[in-house]
């Protein structure tokens, strides 16, 4: 599964890896350690959780302290945003709903309970969303070239 941001770097990121779909190659540097750390951080039940300590040590060894700090910040921020959105029942806005419908379907994200807060997307809107992703990727690539 190729996404716009990975296209800019000429790599291929497999988002199925973050859904526990058995993907072993994420397409992201230190991807396995990042996924393991994120999963352990979310599942940790107490300070000093051994699975989290192991995942943290493995990410630190593989990617260094700056990457560990960045990963911890992303996990913490994501948890905060998701809990607020779920707690208040915030739906995905219409444009983003259409733009991400195909990806959410591919990854099985809509099976989560919070998906009930967001309206279903028509087939035409899904098709438009996929076209929008393609256009966004092309625009990002052009912007990257122009900056150079």
N, C-alpha and C. Protein backbone atom coordinates (compact mmCIF):
# COMPACT_ATOMS: atom_id res chain seq x y z
N UNK A 1 0.85 -1.17 0.00
CA UNK A 1 0.00 0.00 0.00
C UNK A 1 0.90 1.23 0.00
N UNK A 2 0.83 1.96 -1.06
CA UNK A 2 1.67 3.13 -1.22
C UNK A 2 0.89 4.38 -0.85
N UNK A 3 1.46 5.26 -0.09
CA UNK A 3 0.82 6.51 0.31
C UNK A 3 1.63 7.69 -0.20
N UNK A 4 0.99 8.85 -0.24
CA UNK A 4 1.60 10.04 -0.81
C UNK A 4 2.93 10.38 -0.16
N UNK A 5 3.02 10.33 1.16
CA UNK A 5 4.27 10.72 1.81
C UNK A 5 5.40 9.75 1.48
N UNK A 6 5.09 8.48 1.31
CA UNK A 6 6.15 7.54 0.95
C UNK A 6 6.57 7.72 -0.50
N UNK A 7 5.66 8.16 -1.34
CA UNK A 7 6.00 8.42 -2.74
C UNK A 7 7.05 9.51 -2.86
N UNK A 8 6.99 10.50 -1.98
CA UNK A 8 7.96 11.59 -2.02
C UNK A 8 9.37 11.11 -1.78
N UNK A 9 9.52 10.08 -0.96
CA UNK A 9 10.85 9.57 -0.64
C UNK A 9 11.26 8.42 -1.54
N UNK A 10 10.36 8.00 -2.43
CA UNK A 10 10.67 6.90 -3.32
C UNK A 10 10.61 5.55 -2.62
N UNK A 11 9.92 5.48 -1.49
CA UNK A 11 9.81 4.22 -0.76
C UNK A 11 8.35 3.77 -0.78
N UNK A 12 8.12 2.59 -0.26
CA UNK A 12 6.77 2.06 -0.18
C UNK A 12 6.47 1.70 1.26
N UNK A 13 5.50 2.36 1.85
CA UNK A 13 5.10 2.09 3.23
C UNK A 13 3.88 1.18 3.23
N UNK A 14 3.92 0.15 4.06
CA UNK A 14 2.80 -0.78 4.18
C UNK A 14 2.06 -0.49 5.47
N UNK A 15 0.93 0.20 5.37
CA UNK A 15 0.15 0.57 6.55
C UNK A 15 -0.51 -0.62 7.22
N UNK A 16 -0.58 -1.76 6.54
CA UNK A 16 -1.16 -2.95 7.17
C UNK A 16 -0.35 -3.36 8.40
N UNK A 17 0.90 -2.99 8.46
CA UNK A 17 1.74 -3.35 9.60
C UNK A 17 1.22 -2.75 10.90
N UNK A 18 0.59 -1.59 10.83
CA UNK A 18 0.09 -0.97 12.06
C UNK A 18 -1.27 -1.51 12.46
N UNK A 19 -1.85 -2.36 11.64
CA UNK A 19 -3.15 -2.94 11.96
C UNK A 19 -3.02 -4.39 12.41
N UNK A 20 -1.79 -4.83 12.67
CA UNK A 20 -1.60 -6.20 13.13
C UNK A 20 -1.94 -7.22 12.06
N UNK A 21 -1.78 -6.84 10.81
CA UNK A 21 -2.17 -7.71 9.71
C UNK A 21 -1.04 -8.66 9.29
N UNK A 22 -0.03 -8.77 10.10
CA UNK A 22 1.04 -9.72 9.83
C UNK A 22 2.11 -9.23 8.88
N UNK A 23 2.05 -7.97 8.45
CA UNK A 23 3.08 -7.44 7.58
C UNK A 23 4.39 -7.36 8.36
N UNK A 24 5.44 -7.91 7.81
CA UNK A 24 6.72 -7.88 8.51
C UNK A 24 7.62 -6.77 8.01
N UNK A 25 7.34 -6.25 6.82
CA UNK A 25 8.15 -5.16 6.28
C UNK A 25 7.26 -3.92 6.18
N UNK A 26 7.57 -2.91 6.96
CA UNK A 26 6.75 -1.71 6.98
C UNK A 26 7.10 -0.74 5.87
N UNK A 27 8.32 -0.80 5.39
CA UNK A 27 8.79 0.18 4.41
C UNK A 27 9.30 1.45 5.07
N UNK A 28 9.36 1.46 6.39
CA UNK A 28 9.81 2.61 7.17
C UNK A 28 11.06 2.19 7.94
N UNK A 29 12.06 3.07 7.99
CA UNK A 29 13.26 2.75 8.76
C UNK A 29 12.89 2.42 10.20
N UNK A 30 13.38 1.31 10.69
CA UNK A 30 13.13 0.83 12.06
C UNK A 30 11.64 0.58 12.30
N UNK A 31 10.93 0.27 11.23
CA UNK A 31 9.48 0.09 11.30
C UNK A 31 9.03 -0.97 12.28
N UNK A 32 9.71 -2.10 12.29
CA UNK A 32 9.30 -3.17 13.21
C UNK A 32 9.44 -2.72 14.66
N UNK A 33 10.52 -2.04 14.96
CA UNK A 33 10.72 -1.56 16.34
C UNK A 33 9.72 -0.47 16.68
N UNK A 34 9.40 0.40 15.74
CA UNK A 34 8.42 1.46 15.98
C UNK A 34 7.03 0.88 16.24
N UNK A 35 6.63 -0.09 15.43
CA UNK A 35 5.32 -0.73 15.63
C UNK A 35 5.29 -1.44 16.97
N UNK A 36 6.35 -2.19 17.29
CA UNK A 36 6.39 -2.91 18.56
C UNK A 36 6.32 -1.94 19.74
N UNK A 37 7.02 -0.82 19.65
CA UNK A 37 7.00 0.17 20.72
C UNK A 37 5.60 0.77 20.87
N UNK A 38 4.99 1.17 19.76
CA UNK A 38 3.66 1.77 19.82
C UNK A 38 2.65 0.79 20.40
N UNK A 39 2.69 -0.46 19.96
CA UNK A 39 1.75 -1.46 20.49
C UNK A 39 1.98 -1.70 21.97
N UNK A 40 3.24 -1.78 22.39
CA UNK A 40 3.54 -2.00 23.81
C UNK A 40 3.13 -0.80 24.65
N UNK A 41 3.33 0.40 24.14
CA UNK A 41 2.97 1.61 24.89
C UNK A 41 1.46 1.68 25.10
N UNK A 42 0.70 1.33 24.08
CA UNK A 42 -0.76 1.38 24.18
C UNK A 42 -1.28 0.27 25.10
N UNK A 43 -0.62 -0.87 25.08
CA UNK A 43 -1.09 -2.02 25.87
C UNK A 43 -0.56 -2.03 27.31
N UNK A 44 0.43 -1.19 27.62
CA UNK A 44 1.04 -1.20 28.96
C UNK A 44 -0.01 -0.96 30.03
N UNK A 45 0.05 -1.76 31.07
CA UNK A 45 -0.93 -1.66 32.15
C UNK A 45 -0.39 -0.95 33.38
N UNK A 46 0.91 -0.77 33.44
CA UNK A 46 1.50 -0.11 34.61
C UNK A 46 2.91 0.39 34.28
N UNK A 47 3.37 1.33 35.09
CA UNK A 47 4.73 1.84 34.92
C UNK A 47 5.69 0.68 35.11
N UNK A 48 6.67 0.58 34.26
CA UNK A 48 7.65 -0.50 34.35
C UNK A 48 7.19 -1.78 33.68
N UNK A 49 6.12 -1.71 32.86
CA UNK A 49 5.62 -2.88 32.15
C UNK A 49 6.78 -3.50 31.37
N UNK A 50 7.06 -4.80 31.57
CA UNK A 50 8.24 -5.42 30.93
C UNK A 50 8.19 -5.43 29.41
N UNK A 51 7.01 -5.58 28.82
CA UNK A 51 6.92 -5.57 27.35
C UNK A 51 7.26 -4.19 26.81
N UNK A 52 6.81 -3.15 27.51
CA UNK A 52 7.13 -1.79 27.09
C UNK A 52 8.62 -1.51 27.27
N UNK A 53 9.19 -1.96 28.37
CA UNK A 53 10.63 -1.75 28.60
C UNK A 53 11.45 -2.42 27.51
N UNK A 54 11.06 -3.63 27.12
CA UNK A 54 11.78 -4.35 26.06
C UNK A 54 11.66 -3.61 24.73
N UNK A 55 10.43 -3.21 24.38
CA UNK A 55 10.21 -2.51 23.12
C UNK A 55 10.96 -1.18 23.10
N UNK A 56 10.96 -0.49 24.23
CA UNK A 56 11.66 0.80 24.33
C UNK A 56 13.17 0.59 24.14
N UNK A 57 13.73 -0.42 24.79
CA UNK A 57 15.16 -0.70 24.67
C UNK A 57 15.54 -1.08 23.24
N UNK A 58 14.67 -1.85 22.58
CA UNK A 58 14.96 -2.27 21.21
C UNK A 58 14.89 -1.10 20.24
N UNK A 59 13.92 -0.20 20.43
CA UNK A 59 13.84 0.98 19.58
C UNK A 59 15.03 1.90 19.83
N UNK A 60 15.40 2.08 21.07
CA UNK A 60 16.55 2.91 21.41
C UNK A 60 17.82 2.38 20.76
N UNK A 61 18.03 1.07 20.83
CA UNK A 61 19.22 0.46 20.25
C UNK A 61 19.23 0.58 18.72
N UNK A 62 18.07 0.44 18.11
CA UNK A 62 17.99 0.45 16.65
C UNK A 62 18.01 1.85 16.06
N UNK A 63 17.32 2.79 16.71
CA UNK A 63 17.11 4.09 16.08
C UNK A 63 17.71 5.27 16.83
N UNK A 64 18.08 5.07 18.10
CA UNK A 64 18.69 6.14 18.86
C UNK A 64 17.71 6.91 19.72
N UNK A 65 18.24 7.75 20.61
CA UNK A 65 17.39 8.45 21.57
C UNK A 65 16.41 9.46 20.95
N UNK A 66 16.82 10.15 19.90
CA UNK A 66 15.92 11.14 19.29
C UNK A 66 14.69 10.46 18.70
N UNK A 67 14.88 9.32 18.04
CA UNK A 67 13.75 8.59 17.46
C UNK A 67 12.84 8.04 18.56
N UNK A 68 13.42 7.59 19.66
CA UNK A 68 12.62 7.10 20.77
C UNK A 68 11.75 8.21 21.35
N UNK A 69 12.33 9.38 21.55
CA UNK A 69 11.56 10.52 22.08
C UNK A 69 10.45 10.91 21.10
N UNK A 70 10.78 10.97 19.81
CA UNK A 70 9.76 11.31 18.81
C UNK A 70 8.63 10.28 18.80
N UNK A 71 8.98 8.99 18.86
CA UNK A 71 7.97 7.93 18.85
C UNK A 71 7.08 8.03 20.09
N UNK A 72 7.67 8.27 21.25
CA UNK A 72 6.88 8.40 22.48
C UNK A 72 5.93 9.59 22.40
N UNK A 73 6.40 10.68 21.82
CA UNK A 73 5.55 11.87 21.66
C UNK A 73 4.39 11.59 20.72
N UNK A 74 4.64 10.89 19.64
CA UNK A 74 3.58 10.57 18.68
C UNK A 74 2.55 9.64 19.33
N UNK A 75 3.03 8.61 20.03
CA UNK A 75 2.11 7.68 20.70
C UNK A 75 1.24 8.44 21.72
N UNK A 76 1.87 9.28 22.53
CA UNK A 76 1.12 10.03 23.54
C UNK A 76 0.11 10.97 22.92
N UNK A 77 0.50 11.69 21.89
CA UNK A 77 -0.40 12.63 21.24
C UNK A 77 -1.55 11.89 20.55
N UNK A 78 -1.24 10.80 19.90
CA UNK A 78 -2.28 10.03 19.23
C UNK A 78 -3.30 9.51 20.24
N UNK A 79 -2.83 8.97 21.34
CA UNK A 79 -3.73 8.47 22.38
C UNK A 79 -4.65 9.59 22.87
N UNK A 80 -4.07 10.77 23.09
CA UNK A 80 -4.85 11.91 23.57
C UNK A 80 -5.93 12.28 22.56
N UNK A 81 -5.54 12.43 21.31
CA UNK A 81 -6.50 12.86 20.29
C UNK A 81 -7.61 11.83 20.09
N UNK A 82 -7.25 10.56 20.05
CA UNK A 82 -8.25 9.52 19.84
C UNK A 82 -9.22 9.46 21.01
N UNK A 83 -8.72 9.56 22.22
CA UNK A 83 -9.61 9.51 23.39
C UNK A 83 -10.57 10.70 23.41
N UNK A 84 -10.10 11.87 23.05
CA UNK A 84 -10.98 13.05 22.99
C UNK A 84 -12.03 12.86 21.90
N UNK A 85 -11.59 12.45 20.72
CA UNK A 85 -12.53 12.26 19.61
C UNK A 85 -13.56 11.18 19.94
N UNK A 86 -13.11 10.05 20.49
CA UNK A 86 -14.05 8.98 20.84
C UNK A 86 -14.98 9.41 21.97
N UNK A 87 -14.44 10.09 22.96
CA UNK A 87 -15.24 10.50 24.11
C UNK A 87 -16.32 11.50 23.76
N UNK A 88 -16.05 12.33 22.78
CA UNK A 88 -17.03 13.36 22.40
C UNK A 88 -17.84 12.96 21.18
N UNK A 89 -17.48 11.86 20.54
CA UNK A 89 -18.23 11.39 19.37
C UNK A 89 -17.97 12.18 18.11
N UNK A 90 -16.79 12.77 18.01
CA UNK A 90 -16.48 13.59 16.84
C UNK A 90 -16.39 12.70 15.59
N UNK A 91 -17.16 13.02 14.56
CA UNK A 91 -17.04 12.27 13.30
C UNK A 91 -15.89 12.82 12.45
N UNK A 92 -15.47 12.03 11.49
CA UNK A 92 -14.50 12.52 10.50
C UNK A 92 -15.25 13.50 9.61
N UNK A 93 -14.63 14.66 9.31
CA UNK A 93 -15.33 15.63 8.46
C UNK A 93 -15.55 15.07 7.06
N UNK A 94 -16.51 15.62 6.35
CA UNK A 94 -16.96 15.06 5.08
C UNK A 94 -15.83 14.87 4.07
N UNK A 95 -15.01 15.91 3.87
CA UNK A 95 -13.93 15.80 2.87
C UNK A 95 -12.91 14.74 3.23
N UNK A 96 -12.49 14.70 4.49
CA UNK A 96 -11.52 13.70 4.92
C UNK A 96 -12.14 12.31 4.91
N UNK A 97 -13.43 12.24 5.19
CA UNK A 97 -14.14 10.96 5.16
C UNK A 97 -14.04 10.35 3.76
N UNK A 98 -14.33 11.15 2.74
CA UNK A 98 -14.26 10.66 1.36
C UNK A 98 -12.81 10.36 0.97
N UNK A 99 -11.89 11.24 1.36
CA UNK A 99 -10.49 11.08 0.97
C UNK A 99 -9.86 9.83 1.56
N UNK A 100 -10.27 9.44 2.77
CA UNK A 100 -9.64 8.31 3.45
C UNK A 100 -10.49 7.04 3.44
N UNK A 101 -11.66 7.07 2.80
CA UNK A 101 -12.57 5.92 2.83
C UNK A 101 -11.92 4.65 2.30
N UNK A 102 -11.25 4.74 1.18
CA UNK A 102 -10.60 3.56 0.60
C UNK A 102 -9.53 3.00 1.51
N UNK A 103 -8.71 3.87 2.08
CA UNK A 103 -7.65 3.43 2.98
C UNK A 103 -8.25 2.77 4.22
N UNK A 104 -9.27 3.39 4.79
CA UNK A 104 -9.90 2.84 5.99
C UNK A 104 -10.51 1.47 5.69
N UNK A 105 -11.09 1.33 4.51
CA UNK A 105 -11.66 0.05 4.10
C UNK A 105 -10.55 -0.99 3.92
N UNK A 106 -9.48 -0.62 3.23
CA UNK A 106 -8.35 -1.54 3.00
C UNK A 106 -7.76 -2.04 4.32
N UNK A 107 -7.65 -1.14 5.29
CA UNK A 107 -7.02 -1.49 6.56
C UNK A 107 -7.99 -2.08 7.58
N UNK A 108 -9.28 -1.98 7.33
CA UNK A 108 -10.26 -2.49 8.29
C UNK A 108 -10.50 -1.56 9.47
N UNK A 109 -10.16 -0.29 9.31
CA UNK A 109 -10.31 0.67 10.40
C UNK A 109 -11.77 0.89 10.76
N UNK A 110 -12.66 0.78 9.78
CA UNK A 110 -14.07 1.05 10.03
C UNK A 110 -14.72 0.00 10.92
N UNK A 111 -14.00 -1.05 11.28
CA UNK A 111 -14.57 -2.06 12.18
C UNK A 111 -14.54 -1.61 13.64
N UNK A 112 -13.78 -0.54 13.94
CA UNK A 112 -13.71 -0.03 15.30
C UNK A 112 -15.01 0.69 15.67
N UNK A 113 -15.39 0.60 16.92
CA UNK A 113 -16.65 1.17 17.39
C UNK A 113 -16.82 2.64 17.08
N UNK A 114 -15.74 3.41 17.14
CA UNK A 114 -15.84 4.85 16.92
C UNK A 114 -16.21 5.19 15.48
N UNK A 115 -16.11 4.23 14.57
CA UNK A 115 -16.51 4.48 13.18
C UNK A 115 -17.99 4.78 13.08
N UNK A 116 -18.76 4.37 14.09
CA UNK A 116 -20.20 4.64 14.08
C UNK A 116 -20.50 6.14 14.13
N UNK A 117 -19.52 6.95 14.54
CA UNK A 117 -19.71 8.40 14.61
C UNK A 117 -19.64 9.07 13.24
N UNK A 118 -19.17 8.36 12.25
CA UNK A 118 -18.94 8.94 10.92
C UNK A 118 -19.89 8.31 9.91
N UNK A 119 -20.48 9.14 9.07
CA UNK A 119 -21.42 8.67 8.04
C UNK A 119 -20.72 7.78 7.02
N UNK A 120 -21.48 6.85 6.46
CA UNK A 120 -20.93 6.01 5.40
C UNK A 120 -20.68 6.86 4.16
N UNK A 121 -19.72 6.40 3.37
CA UNK A 121 -19.33 7.12 2.16
C UNK A 121 -19.88 6.36 0.95
N UNK A 122 -20.48 7.10 0.02
CA UNK A 122 -21.01 6.47 -1.19
C UNK A 122 -19.88 5.97 -2.07
N UNK A 123 -20.21 5.08 -3.00
CA UNK A 123 -19.21 4.57 -3.93
C UNK A 123 -18.58 5.68 -4.76
N UNK A 124 -19.39 6.65 -5.17
CA UNK A 124 -18.87 7.77 -5.95
C UNK A 124 -17.90 8.61 -5.12
N UNK A 125 -18.22 8.81 -3.83
CA UNK A 125 -17.34 9.59 -2.96
C UNK A 125 -16.03 8.85 -2.72
N UNK A 126 -16.11 7.51 -2.59
CA UNK A 126 -14.88 6.71 -2.43
C UNK A 126 -13.98 6.86 -3.66
N UNK A 127 -14.60 6.79 -4.84
CA UNK A 127 -13.83 6.93 -6.08
C UNK A 127 -13.20 8.32 -6.15
N UNK A 128 -13.97 9.34 -5.78
CA UNK A 128 -13.43 10.70 -5.77
C UNK A 128 -12.30 10.82 -4.76
N UNK A 129 -12.42 10.16 -3.63
CA UNK A 129 -11.37 10.18 -2.61
C UNK A 129 -10.08 9.56 -3.12
N UNK A 130 -10.19 8.46 -3.84
CA UNK A 130 -8.99 7.83 -4.40
C UNK A 130 -8.33 8.74 -5.44
N UNK A 131 -9.14 9.41 -6.24
CA UNK A 131 -8.60 10.39 -7.20
C UNK A 131 -7.93 11.54 -6.44
N UNK A 132 -8.56 11.96 -5.35
CA UNK A 132 -7.98 13.02 -4.53
C UNK A 132 -6.64 12.63 -3.94
N UNK A 133 -6.51 11.37 -3.52
CA UNK A 133 -5.22 10.91 -2.99
C UNK A 133 -4.15 10.95 -4.08
N UNK A 134 -4.52 10.52 -5.27
CA UNK A 134 -3.58 10.54 -6.39
C UNK A 134 -3.16 11.98 -6.72
N UNK A 135 -4.13 12.88 -6.73
CA UNK A 135 -3.83 14.29 -7.02
C UNK A 135 -2.96 14.89 -5.91
N UNK A 136 -3.25 14.56 -4.66
CA UNK A 136 -2.46 15.09 -3.54
C UNK A 136 -1.02 14.59 -3.62
N UNK A 137 -0.85 13.33 -3.98
CA UNK A 137 0.50 12.78 -4.11
C UNK A 137 1.28 13.50 -5.21
N UNK A 138 0.62 13.74 -6.33
CA UNK A 138 1.27 14.45 -7.44
C UNK A 138 1.62 15.87 -7.02
N UNK A 139 0.72 16.54 -6.31
CA UNK A 139 0.97 17.91 -5.86
C UNK A 139 2.13 17.96 -4.87
N UNK A 140 2.19 16.98 -3.97
CA UNK A 140 3.29 16.94 -2.99
C UNK A 140 4.62 16.70 -3.69
N UNK A 141 4.62 15.84 -4.69
CA UNK A 141 5.85 15.56 -5.42
C UNK A 141 6.31 16.81 -6.18
N UNK A 142 5.39 17.51 -6.80
CA UNK A 142 5.72 18.73 -7.52
C UNK A 142 6.24 19.80 -6.56
N UNK A 143 5.59 19.96 -5.42
CA UNK A 143 6.04 20.94 -4.42
C UNK A 143 7.45 20.59 -3.93
N UNK A 144 7.72 19.32 -3.77
CA UNK A 144 9.05 18.90 -3.33
C UNK A 144 10.10 19.26 -4.38
N UNK A 145 9.78 19.03 -5.64
CA UNK A 145 10.71 19.37 -6.73
C UNK A 145 10.95 20.88 -6.81
N UNK A 146 9.87 21.65 -6.65
CA UNK A 146 9.99 23.11 -6.74
C UNK A 146 10.83 23.69 -5.60
N UNK A 147 10.76 23.06 -4.43
CA UNK A 147 11.56 23.52 -3.28
C UNK A 147 13.04 23.30 -3.52
N UNK A 148 13.38 22.30 -4.29
CA UNK A 148 14.79 21.99 -4.56
C UNK A 148 15.29 22.95 -5.56
